[in-house]
Amino acid sequence: MSSFMGKKVNMFLLLMLMLVLIGFGAVSVYSQYTYKSLKSQHDNATVSLGTCQETLTLTNSSLTKLRSELNSTTTDIRKYDTLYEQKAAELAEKSTQLTSTQADLQRVTLQKEVYKKQIDEAYAKMIALNRTVTTLSLQVDDLEEEVNDLKEKVTCLRNTGDPLEAAEC
């Protein structure tokens, strides 16, 4: 029995060794397949990571550019705010000046109307006085003629001693 048992144990050991070898082979094939799969996943992840890194670099440069544009825009906005405040103050000052000028213009317009009325009244008086002067000048001329006629008559009467000749004067 010992030989049978020894044979069986040897066979059993041989069978176990074969099973272990087959197990190692299967594990080796499985690990190689898994390694290839993991290596493929790793390569894909490396490519994706490279793409993500490129995208991140582009996005970072774009973000930097946008940040500088935003800073520039912010600076421009501040300049325009300052300019707006200056122009608003100038506008308020010009509005005040315009209001003052309008008040002056209204006052001058009223004075002009008053002066125009006074000028019209003075012109009307001047026309009336000119008519009066003309009328009086005509009266003076008529009276001077009458005085001259009377002087001539007086002279004529003085020079004539005869009453008949005096009738001719």
Protein backbone atom coordinates (compact mmCIF):
# COMPACT_ATOMS: atom_id res chain seq x y z
CA MET A 1 0.00 0.00 0.00
CA SER A 2 2.69 2.22 0.47
CA SER A 3 3.54 2.11 -3.15
CA PHE A 4 -0.03 2.70 -4.10
CA MET A 5 -0.24 5.49 -1.66
CA GLY A 6 3.08 6.86 -2.77
CA LYS A 7 1.86 6.67 -6.36
CA LYS A 8 -1.33 8.36 -5.51
CA VAL A 9 0.39 10.96 -3.45
CA ASN A 10 2.83 11.53 -6.26
CA MET A 11 -0.03 11.77 -8.69
CA PHE A 12 -1.85 13.94 -6.33
CA LEU A 13 1.20 16.13 -5.94
CA LEU A 14 1.71 16.10 -9.69
CA LEU A 15 -1.92 17.02 -10.20
CA MET A 16 -1.59 19.75 -7.61
CA LEU A 17 1.57 20.99 -9.23
CA MET A 18 -0.16 21.08 -12.59
CA LEU A 19 -3.13 22.83 -11.09
CA VAL A 20 -0.81 25.34 -9.48
CA LEU A 21 1.06 25.79 -12.77
CA ILE A 22 -2.20 26.17 -14.68
CA GLY A 23 -3.34 28.62 -11.99
CA PHE A 24 -0.07 30.55 -12.34
CA GLY A 25 -0.48 30.51 -16.11
CA ALA A 26 -4.10 31.68 -15.85
CA VAL A 27 -3.14 34.33 -13.34
CA SER A 28 -0.26 35.35 -15.57
CA VAL A 29 -2.51 35.58 -18.65
CA TYR A 30 -5.18 37.37 -16.64
CA SER A 31 -2.66 39.81 -15.16
CA GLN A 32 -1.11 40.38 -18.60
CA TYR A 33 -4.57 41.05 -20.07
CA THR A 34 -5.42 43.29 -17.11
CA TYR A 35 -2.02 45.02 -17.46
CA LYS A 36 -2.69 45.70 -21.16
CA SER A 37 -6.14 47.01 -20.31
CA LEU A 38 -4.78 49.19 -17.52
CA LYS A 39 -1.94 50.38 -19.78
CA SER A 40 -4.50 51.27 -22.46
CA GLN A 41 -6.60 53.11 -19.88
CA HIS A 42 -3.45 54.82 -18.62
CA ASP A 43 -2.48 55.87 -22.15
CA ASN A 44 -6.03 57.16 -22.76
CA ALA A 45 -5.94 59.01 -19.43
CA THR A 46 -2.50 60.44 -20.34
CA VAL A 47 -3.85 61.65 -23.71
CA SER A 48 -6.95 63.08 -22.02
CA LEU A 49 -4.76 64.68 -19.39
CA GLY A 50 -2.57 66.21 -22.12
CA THR A 51 -5.68 67.52 -23.91
CA CYS A 52 -7.02 68.86 -20.63
CA GLN A 53 -3.64 70.46 -19.93
CA GLU A 54 -3.63 72.14 -23.36
CA THR A 55 -7.22 73.29 -22.85
CA LEU A 56 -6.33 74.55 -19.39
CA THR A 57 -3.33 76.44 -20.82
CA LEU A 58 -5.50 78.01 -23.55
CA THR A 59 -8.22 78.81 -21.03
CA ASN A 60 -5.64 80.29 -18.65
CA SER A 61 -4.15 82.51 -21.39
CA SER A 62 -7.67 83.50 -22.48
CA LEU A 63 -8.53 84.27 -18.86
CA THR A 64 -5.36 86.35 -18.48
CA LYS A 65 -6.22 88.26 -21.65
CA LEU A 66 -9.80 88.80 -20.47
CA ARG A 67 -8.53 89.91 -17.05
CA SER A 68 -6.25 92.50 -18.67
CA GLU A 69 -9.12 93.65 -20.90
CA LEU A 70 -11.36 93.85 -17.86
CA ASN A 71 -8.75 95.88 -16.00
CA SER A 72 -8.43 98.12 -19.04
CA THR A 73 -12.21 98.41 -19.25
CA THR A 74 -12.40 99.16 -15.54
CA THR A 75 -9.76 101.88 -15.99
CA ASP A 76 -11.70 103.26 -18.96
CA ILE A 77 -14.92 103.20 -16.95
CA ARG A 78 -13.20 105.12 -14.15
CA LYS A 79 -11.91 107.65 -16.67
CA TYR A 80 -15.39 108.00 -18.15
CA ASP A 81 -16.90 108.30 -14.68
CA THR A 82 -14.47 111.11 -13.89
CA LEU A 83 -15.12 112.71 -17.26
CA TYR A 84 -18.88 112.34 -16.71
CA GLU A 85 -18.63 114.00 -13.31
CA GLN A 86 -16.60 116.88 -14.81
CA LYS A 87 -19.02 117.30 -17.69
CA ALA A 88 -22.01 117.12 -15.33
CA ALA A 89 -20.45 119.88 -13.20
CA GLU A 90 -19.73 121.93 -16.32
CA LEU A 91 -23.28 121.34 -17.52
CA ALA A 92 -24.68 122.47 -14.17
CA GLU A 93 -22.48 125.58 -14.32
CA LYS A 94 -23.53 126.29 -17.92
CA SER A 95 -27.16 125.74 -16.94
CA THR A 96 -26.79 128.28 -14.13
CA GLN A 97 -25.11 130.71 -16.53
CA LEU A 98 -27.85 130.10 -19.10
CA THR A 99 -30.54 130.78 -16.50
CA SER A 100 -28.75 133.99 -15.49
CA THR A 101 -28.34 134.99 -19.14
CA GLN A 102 -32.02 134.27 -19.79
CA ALA A 103 -32.98 136.47 -16.83
CA ASP A 104 -30.66 139.21 -18.14
CA LEU A 105 -32.15 138.82 -21.60
CA GLN A 106 -35.69 139.12 -20.22
CA ARG A 107 -34.69 142.22 -18.26
CA VAL A 108 -33.01 143.74 -21.31
CA THR A 109 -36.03 142.84 -23.46
CA LEU A 110 -38.34 144.56 -20.99
CA GLN A 111 -36.03 147.58 -20.91
CA LYS A 112 -35.96 147.58 -24.69
CA GLU A 113 -39.74 147.59 -24.81
CA VAL A 114 -39.85 150.45 -22.29
CA TYR A 115 -37.21 152.38 -24.25
CA LYS A 116 -39.03 151.66 -27.50
CA LYS A 117 -42.24 153.05 -26.04
CA GLN A 118 -40.33 156.08 -24.80
CA ILE A 119 -38.69 156.52 -28.21
CA ASP A 120 -42.06 156.13 -29.95
CA GLU A 121 -43.59 158.68 -27.59
CA ALA A 122 -40.61 161.04 -28.08
CA TYR A 123 -40.82 160.56 -31.86
CA ALA A 124 -44.56 161.29 -31.78
CA LYS A 125 -43.86 164.41 -29.67
CA MET A 126 -41.08 165.38 -32.07
CA ILE A 127 -43.42 165.04 -35.05
CA ALA A 128 -46.07 167.09 -33.23
CA LEU A 129 -43.44 169.70 -32.29
CA ASN A 130 -42.13 169.74 -35.86
CA ARG A 131 -45.68 170.39 -37.07
CA THR A 132 -46.01 173.11 -34.48
CA VAL A 133 -42.64 174.56 -35.51
CA THR A 134 -43.69 174.43 -39.17
CA THR A 135 -47.01 176.07 -38.37
CA LEU A 136 -45.31 178.70 -36.21
CA SER A 137 -42.65 179.26 -38.90
CA LEU A 138 -45.40 179.84 -41.41
CA GLN A 139 -47.09 182.21 -38.99
CA VAL A 140 -43.77 183.97 -38.37
CA ASP A 141 -43.21 184.27 -42.12
CA ASP A 142 -46.73 185.61 -42.56
CA LEU A 143 -46.21 188.04 -39.69
CA GLU A 144 -42.81 189.10 -41.03
CA GLU A 145 -44.42 189.75 -44.40
CA GLU A 146 -47.14 191.72 -42.68
CA VAL A 147 -44.50 193.64 -40.68
CA ASN A 148 -42.55 194.30 -43.87
CA ASP A 149 -45.73 195.43 -45.60
CA LEU A 150 -46.53 197.67 -42.65
CA LYS A 151 -42.95 199.04 -42.60
CA GLU A 152 -43.24 199.81 -46.30
CA LYS A 153 -46.58 201.49 -45.66
CA VAL A 154 -45.09 203.48 -42.77
CA THR A 155 -42.16 204.46 -44.94
CA CYS A 156 -44.45 205.35 -47.76
CA LEU A 157 -46.67 207.38 -45.44
CA ARG A 158 -43.72 209.21 -44.01
CA ASN A 159 -42.44 210.05 -47.41
CA THR A 160 -45.72 211.42 -48.63
CA GLY A 161 -47.06 214.52 -47.24
CA ASP A 162 -50.16 214.55 -49.37
CA PRO A 163 -53.24 212.71 -48.13
CA LEU A 164 -54.16 211.66 -51.64
CA GLU A 165 -50.84 210.03 -52.13
CA ALA A 166 -51.23 208.41 -48.74
CA ALA A 167 -54.22 206.51 -50.03
CA GLU A 168 -51.99 204.85 -52.58
CA CYS A 169 -49.69 203.51 -49.88
